[in-house]
Amino acid sequence: MGMKRLAIAIVIGMLAGIFCAYGTTVANVPGLVMTMPLLAMIFYNRLIIGLTVGLAGGVILVKGKMLNAALRGVVLGAIVSIGISFNGGGELLILFGMVYGLVADLLATKFGD
């Protein structure tokens, strides 16, 4: 396991968590009631996406280093985000989880491997 890859992915997860929690406070998402525990859960979820992406460097889904990183990041982002989708606004939270997973895995693969 590459410590540099893990560190890059976790930092990206933290940044995504801050960005997503802030975006949630200013957006009007139907069915989503804004609370501090919800914002903490969103931040924590994005951090966990970074952790799982950082740890999944050896997982091969398809041939091609960057294509594999892209697909792996999208899949991991979606899987990890399913848990917070039950609080309302699920499709949007999963979609952004997929985007954050994609970005985290591409950057961690490019600069951390």
N, C-alpha and C. Protein backbone atom coordinates (compact mmCIF):
# COMPACT_ATOMS: atom_id res chain seq x y z
N MET A 1 0.84 -1.18 0.00
CA MET A 1 0.00 0.00 0.00
C MET A 1 0.88 1.24 0.00
N GLY A 2 0.56 2.17 -0.88
CA GLY A 2 1.32 3.40 -0.97
C GLY A 2 0.82 4.45 0.01
N MET A 3 1.68 4.85 0.93
CA MET A 3 1.29 5.86 1.92
C MET A 3 1.02 7.21 1.25
N LYS A 4 1.77 7.51 0.19
CA LYS A 4 1.55 8.77 -0.51
C LYS A 4 0.17 8.76 -1.16
N ARG A 5 -0.19 7.64 -1.79
CA ARG A 5 -1.52 7.51 -2.40
C ARG A 5 -2.61 7.69 -1.35
N LEU A 6 -2.44 7.03 -0.21
CA LEU A 6 -3.42 7.11 0.86
C LEU A 6 -3.56 8.54 1.37
N ALA A 7 -2.45 9.22 1.58
CA ALA A 7 -2.48 10.60 2.07
C ALA A 7 -3.17 11.52 1.07
N ILE A 8 -2.86 11.37 -0.21
CA ILE A 8 -3.48 12.21 -1.24
C ILE A 8 -4.99 11.98 -1.26
N ALA A 9 -5.40 10.74 -1.23
CA ALA A 9 -6.83 10.42 -1.29
C ALA A 9 -7.57 10.93 -0.05
N ILE A 10 -6.96 10.82 1.11
CA ILE A 10 -7.62 11.30 2.34
C ILE A 10 -7.73 12.82 2.33
N VAL A 11 -6.70 13.51 1.90
CA VAL A 11 -6.77 14.98 1.82
C VAL A 11 -7.86 15.40 0.83
N ILE A 12 -7.94 14.73 -0.29
CA ILE A 12 -9.00 15.04 -1.26
C ILE A 12 -10.36 14.75 -0.65
N GLY A 13 -10.49 13.66 0.09
CA GLY A 13 -11.73 13.35 0.78
C GLY A 13 -12.11 14.42 1.80
N MET A 14 -11.13 14.93 2.54
CA MET A 14 -11.39 16.01 3.50
C MET A 14 -11.86 17.27 2.80
N LEU A 15 -11.18 17.63 1.72
CA LEU A 15 -11.57 18.82 0.96
C LEU A 15 -12.96 18.66 0.35
N ALA A 16 -13.22 17.47 -0.18
CA ALA A 16 -14.54 17.19 -0.74
C ALA A 16 -15.61 17.26 0.35
N GLY A 17 -15.29 16.78 1.54
CA GLY A 17 -16.22 16.83 2.66
C GLY A 17 -16.57 18.25 3.04
N ILE A 18 -15.56 19.09 3.11
CA ILE A 18 -15.80 20.51 3.44
C ILE A 18 -16.64 21.16 2.35
N PHE A 19 -16.27 20.93 1.09
CA PHE A 19 -16.99 21.51 -0.03
C PHE A 19 -18.44 21.02 -0.06
N CYS A 20 -18.64 19.73 0.13
CA CYS A 20 -19.98 19.15 0.05
C CYS A 20 -20.84 19.60 1.23
N ALA A 21 -20.29 19.66 2.42
CA ALA A 21 -21.05 20.12 3.59
C ALA A 21 -21.44 21.58 3.40
N TYR A 22 -20.52 22.40 2.91
CA TYR A 22 -20.85 23.80 2.66
C TYR A 22 -21.92 23.91 1.57
N GLY A 23 -21.76 23.15 0.50
CA GLY A 23 -22.74 23.18 -0.58
C GLY A 23 -24.12 22.76 -0.11
N THR A 24 -24.16 21.85 0.82
CA THR A 24 -25.43 21.39 1.36
C THR A 24 -26.12 22.50 2.16
N THR A 25 -25.34 23.36 2.80
CA THR A 25 -25.94 24.44 3.59
C THR A 25 -26.53 25.52 2.70
N VAL A 26 -26.00 25.71 1.51
CA VAL A 26 -26.51 26.79 0.64
C VAL A 26 -27.49 26.28 -0.41
N ALA A 27 -27.54 24.98 -0.63
CA ALA A 27 -28.46 24.43 -1.63
C ALA A 27 -29.80 24.11 -0.98
N ASN A 28 -30.82 24.13 -1.80
CA ASN A 28 -32.16 23.76 -1.34
C ASN A 28 -32.50 22.41 -1.96
N VAL A 29 -32.16 21.34 -1.26
CA VAL A 29 -32.39 19.99 -1.76
C VAL A 29 -33.71 19.49 -1.19
N PRO A 30 -34.68 19.16 -2.07
CA PRO A 30 -35.96 18.66 -1.57
C PRO A 30 -35.79 17.39 -0.73
N GLY A 31 -36.44 17.37 0.42
CA GLY A 31 -36.40 16.19 1.29
C GLY A 31 -35.21 16.14 2.22
N LEU A 32 -34.33 17.12 2.15
CA LEU A 32 -33.13 17.13 2.98
C LEU A 32 -33.27 18.20 4.06
N VAL A 33 -33.33 17.78 5.32
CA VAL A 33 -33.45 18.70 6.44
C VAL A 33 -32.05 18.94 7.00
N MET A 34 -31.66 20.21 7.03
CA MET A 34 -30.30 20.57 7.42
C MET A 34 -30.12 20.52 8.93
N THR A 35 -29.20 19.70 9.39
CA THR A 35 -28.84 19.62 10.81
C THR A 35 -27.31 19.48 10.89
N MET A 36 -26.77 19.79 12.05
CA MET A 36 -25.33 19.61 12.25
C MET A 36 -24.91 18.15 12.13
N PRO A 37 -25.68 17.20 12.69
CA PRO A 37 -25.30 15.80 12.49
C PRO A 37 -25.28 15.39 11.02
N LEU A 38 -26.21 15.92 10.23
CA LEU A 38 -26.21 15.62 8.80
C LEU A 38 -24.95 16.16 8.13
N LEU A 39 -24.57 17.38 8.45
CA LEU A 39 -23.36 17.96 7.86
C LEU A 39 -22.11 17.17 8.28
N ALA A 40 -22.07 16.75 9.53
CA ALA A 40 -20.95 15.94 10.00
C ALA A 40 -20.93 14.60 9.27
N MET A 41 -22.10 14.03 9.04
CA MET A 41 -22.18 12.75 8.34
C MET A 41 -21.72 12.90 6.89
N ILE A 42 -22.08 14.00 6.25
CA ILE A 42 -21.65 14.24 4.88
C ILE A 42 -20.13 14.38 4.83
N PHE A 43 -19.57 15.17 5.74
CA PHE A 43 -18.12 15.33 5.78
C PHE A 43 -17.44 13.98 6.00
N TYR A 44 -17.93 13.22 6.98
CA TYR A 44 -17.34 11.93 7.31
C TYR A 44 -17.45 10.97 6.12
N ASN A 45 -18.57 10.99 5.42
CA ASN A 45 -18.75 10.13 4.26
C ASN A 45 -17.71 10.43 3.20
N ARG A 46 -17.47 11.68 2.92
CA ARG A 46 -16.48 12.05 1.90
C ARG A 46 -15.07 11.67 2.36
N LEU A 47 -14.82 11.77 3.64
CA LEU A 47 -13.53 11.33 4.19
C LEU A 47 -13.36 9.82 4.01
N ILE A 48 -14.42 9.06 4.24
CA ILE A 48 -14.37 7.61 4.06
C ILE A 48 -14.17 7.25 2.58
N ILE A 49 -14.75 8.04 1.69
CA ILE A 49 -14.50 7.81 0.26
C ILE A 49 -13.00 7.94 -0.01
N GLY A 50 -12.38 8.99 0.53
CA GLY A 50 -10.94 9.16 0.36
C GLY A 50 -10.15 7.99 0.93
N LEU A 51 -10.55 7.53 2.11
CA LEU A 51 -9.86 6.39 2.73
C LEU A 51 -9.99 5.14 1.87
N THR A 52 -11.20 4.82 1.41
CA THR A 52 -11.38 3.60 0.62
C THR A 52 -10.66 3.69 -0.72
N VAL A 53 -10.69 4.86 -1.33
CA VAL A 53 -9.95 5.03 -2.58
C VAL A 53 -8.46 4.86 -2.34
N GLY A 54 -7.96 5.42 -1.26
CA GLY A 54 -6.54 5.30 -0.95
C GLY A 54 -6.11 3.87 -0.70
N LEU A 55 -6.98 3.09 -0.07
CA LEU A 55 -6.65 1.70 0.22
C LEU A 55 -6.87 0.76 -0.96
N ALA A 56 -7.62 1.19 -1.96
CA ALA A 56 -8.00 0.31 -3.07
C ALA A 56 -7.07 0.42 -4.27
N GLY A 57 -5.88 0.87 -4.07
CA GLY A 57 -4.95 1.06 -5.19
C GLY A 57 -4.66 -0.20 -5.98
N GLY A 58 -4.72 -1.35 -5.37
CA GLY A 58 -4.41 -2.60 -6.06
C GLY A 58 -5.61 -3.27 -6.71
N VAL A 59 -6.79 -2.69 -6.57
CA VAL A 59 -7.99 -3.28 -7.15
C VAL A 59 -8.05 -2.96 -8.64
N ILE A 60 -8.13 -4.01 -9.45
CA ILE A 60 -8.17 -3.83 -10.90
C ILE A 60 -9.54 -4.26 -11.41
N LEU A 61 -10.24 -3.32 -12.03
CA LEU A 61 -11.56 -3.59 -12.61
C LEU A 61 -11.51 -3.72 -14.12
N VAL A 62 -10.68 -2.89 -14.75
CA VAL A 62 -10.51 -2.91 -16.21
C VAL A 62 -9.05 -2.64 -16.54
N LYS A 63 -8.68 -2.93 -17.78
CA LYS A 63 -7.31 -2.65 -18.22
C LYS A 63 -7.15 -1.16 -18.48
N GLY A 64 -5.97 -0.69 -18.23
CA GLY A 64 -5.66 0.72 -18.40
C GLY A 64 -5.62 1.40 -17.05
N LYS A 65 -4.48 1.95 -16.71
CA LYS A 65 -4.27 2.49 -15.37
C LYS A 65 -5.27 3.59 -15.02
N MET A 66 -5.41 4.61 -15.87
CA MET A 66 -6.27 5.73 -15.54
C MET A 66 -7.75 5.38 -15.73
N LEU A 67 -8.06 4.56 -16.71
CA LEU A 67 -9.44 4.11 -16.90
C LEU A 67 -9.88 3.29 -15.69
N ASN A 68 -9.00 2.43 -15.21
CA ASN A 68 -9.29 1.64 -14.02
C ASN A 68 -9.50 2.55 -12.81
N ALA A 69 -8.64 3.55 -12.67
CA ALA A 69 -8.76 4.48 -11.54
C ALA A 69 -10.10 5.23 -11.61
N ALA A 70 -10.49 5.65 -12.80
CA ALA A 70 -11.75 6.37 -12.96
C ALA A 70 -12.94 5.49 -12.58
N LEU A 71 -12.99 4.30 -13.12
CA LEU A 71 -14.10 3.39 -12.83
C LEU A 71 -14.12 2.99 -11.36
N ARG A 72 -12.95 2.68 -10.82
CA ARG A 72 -12.85 2.28 -9.41
C ARG A 72 -13.31 3.41 -8.50
N GLY A 73 -12.91 4.63 -8.80
CA GLY A 73 -13.32 5.78 -7.99
C GLY A 73 -14.82 6.01 -8.04
N VAL A 74 -15.41 5.89 -9.23
CA VAL A 74 -16.86 6.07 -9.37
C VAL A 74 -17.61 4.99 -8.58
N VAL A 75 -17.18 3.76 -8.71
CA VAL A 75 -17.85 2.64 -8.02
C VAL A 75 -17.71 2.80 -6.50
N LEU A 76 -16.52 3.08 -6.03
CA LEU A 76 -16.33 3.24 -4.58
C LEU A 76 -17.09 4.44 -4.04
N GLY A 77 -17.08 5.54 -4.78
CA GLY A 77 -17.84 6.72 -4.36
C GLY A 77 -19.32 6.43 -4.24
N ALA A 78 -19.87 5.68 -5.19
CA ALA A 78 -21.29 5.34 -5.14
C ALA A 78 -21.59 4.40 -3.98
N ILE A 79 -20.77 3.38 -3.81
CA ILE A 79 -21.01 2.40 -2.74
C ILE A 79 -20.95 3.05 -1.37
N VAL A 80 -19.94 3.86 -1.14
CA VAL A 80 -19.79 4.50 0.16
C VAL A 80 -20.91 5.51 0.41
N SER A 81 -21.39 6.17 -0.63
CA SER A 81 -22.41 7.21 -0.48
C SER A 81 -23.82 6.67 -0.30
N ILE A 82 -24.04 5.41 -0.55
CA ILE A 82 -25.38 4.85 -0.42
C ILE A 82 -25.90 5.01 1.01
N GLY A 83 -25.03 4.88 1.98
CA GLY A 83 -25.45 4.97 3.38
C GLY A 83 -26.06 6.32 3.74
N ILE A 84 -25.54 7.41 3.21
CA ILE A 84 -26.10 8.72 3.56
C ILE A 84 -27.29 9.08 2.68
N SER A 85 -27.55 8.31 1.67
CA SER A 85 -28.64 8.65 0.75
C SER A 85 -30.01 8.41 1.36
N PHE A 86 -30.08 7.67 2.45
CA PHE A 86 -31.37 7.38 3.08
C PHE A 86 -31.93 8.56 3.86
N ASN A 87 -31.14 9.61 4.06
CA ASN A 87 -31.59 10.78 4.81
C ASN A 87 -32.32 11.79 3.94
N GLY A 88 -32.49 11.52 2.68
CA GLY A 88 -33.12 12.46 1.77
C GLY A 88 -32.08 13.04 0.84
N GLY A 89 -32.49 13.43 -0.35
CA GLY A 89 -31.57 13.96 -1.34
C GLY A 89 -30.60 12.92 -1.83
N GLY A 90 -31.00 11.65 -1.80
CA GLY A 90 -30.12 10.53 -2.04
C GLY A 90 -29.44 10.51 -3.39
N GLU A 91 -30.18 10.79 -4.44
CA GLU A 91 -29.59 10.72 -5.78
C GLU A 91 -28.46 11.74 -5.92
N LEU A 92 -28.69 12.93 -5.40
CA LEU A 92 -27.67 13.98 -5.50
C LEU A 92 -26.43 13.63 -4.67
N LEU A 93 -26.64 13.11 -3.47
CA LEU A 93 -25.51 12.75 -2.62
C LEU A 93 -24.69 11.60 -3.23
N ILE A 94 -25.37 10.64 -3.83
CA ILE A 94 -24.66 9.54 -4.48
C ILE A 94 -23.92 10.05 -5.71
N LEU A 95 -24.56 10.91 -6.49
CA LEU A 95 -23.91 11.46 -7.69
C LEU A 95 -22.64 12.21 -7.32
N PHE A 96 -22.72 13.07 -6.30
CA PHE A 96 -21.52 13.79 -5.89
C PHE A 96 -20.48 12.86 -5.28
N GLY A 97 -20.91 11.81 -4.60
CA GLY A 97 -19.98 10.81 -4.10
C GLY A 97 -19.22 10.14 -5.22
N MET A 98 -19.91 9.87 -6.32
CA MET A 98 -19.27 9.28 -7.49
C MET A 98 -18.23 10.24 -8.08
N VAL A 99 -18.59 11.51 -8.14
CA VAL A 99 -17.66 12.51 -8.68
C VAL A 99 -16.44 12.64 -7.78
N TYR A 100 -16.66 12.72 -6.46
CA TYR A 100 -15.53 12.84 -5.53
C TYR A 100 -14.65 11.60 -5.56
N GLY A 101 -15.26 10.42 -5.67
CA GLY A 101 -14.49 9.19 -5.79
C GLY A 101 -13.65 9.18 -7.05
N LEU A 102 -14.23 9.63 -8.15
CA LEU A 102 -13.51 9.72 -9.43
C LEU A 102 -12.31 10.64 -9.30
N VAL A 103 -12.53 11.83 -8.79
CA VAL A 103 -11.44 12.81 -8.66
C VAL A 103 -10.36 12.29 -7.72
N ALA A 104 -10.77 11.75 -6.58
CA ALA A 104 -9.80 11.26 -5.59
C ALA A 104 -8.95 10.14 -6.18
N ASP A 105 -9.58 9.20 -6.89
CA ASP A 105 -8.83 8.06 -7.41
C ASP A 105 -7.92 8.49 -8.57
N LEU A 106 -8.40 9.35 -9.44
CA LEU A 106 -7.55 9.80 -10.54
C LEU A 106 -6.32 10.54 -10.02
N LEU A 107 -6.52 11.44 -9.08
CA LEU A 107 -5.37 12.21 -8.55
C LEU A 107 -4.44 11.33 -7.71
N ALA A 108 -5.02 10.44 -6.90
CA ALA A 108 -4.18 9.56 -6.10
C ALA A 108 -3.39 8.61 -6.98
N THR A 109 -3.98 8.15 -8.08
CA THR A 109 -3.28 7.26 -9.00
C THR A 109 -2.18 8.01 -9.75
N LYS A 110 -2.51 9.21 -10.19
CA LYS A 110 -1.54 9.98 -10.97
C LYS A 110 -0.34 10.43 -10.13
N PHE A 111 -0.60 10.91 -8.92
CA PHE A 111 0.47 11.49 -8.12
C PHE A 111 0.96 10.60 -6.97
N GLY A 112 0.22 9.54 -6.65
CA GLY A 112 0.59 8.74 -5.49
C GLY A 112 1.17 7.38 -5.79
N ASP A 113 1.03 6.91 -7.01
CA ASP A 113 1.54 5.58 -7.35
C ASP A 113 2.93 5.65 -7.95
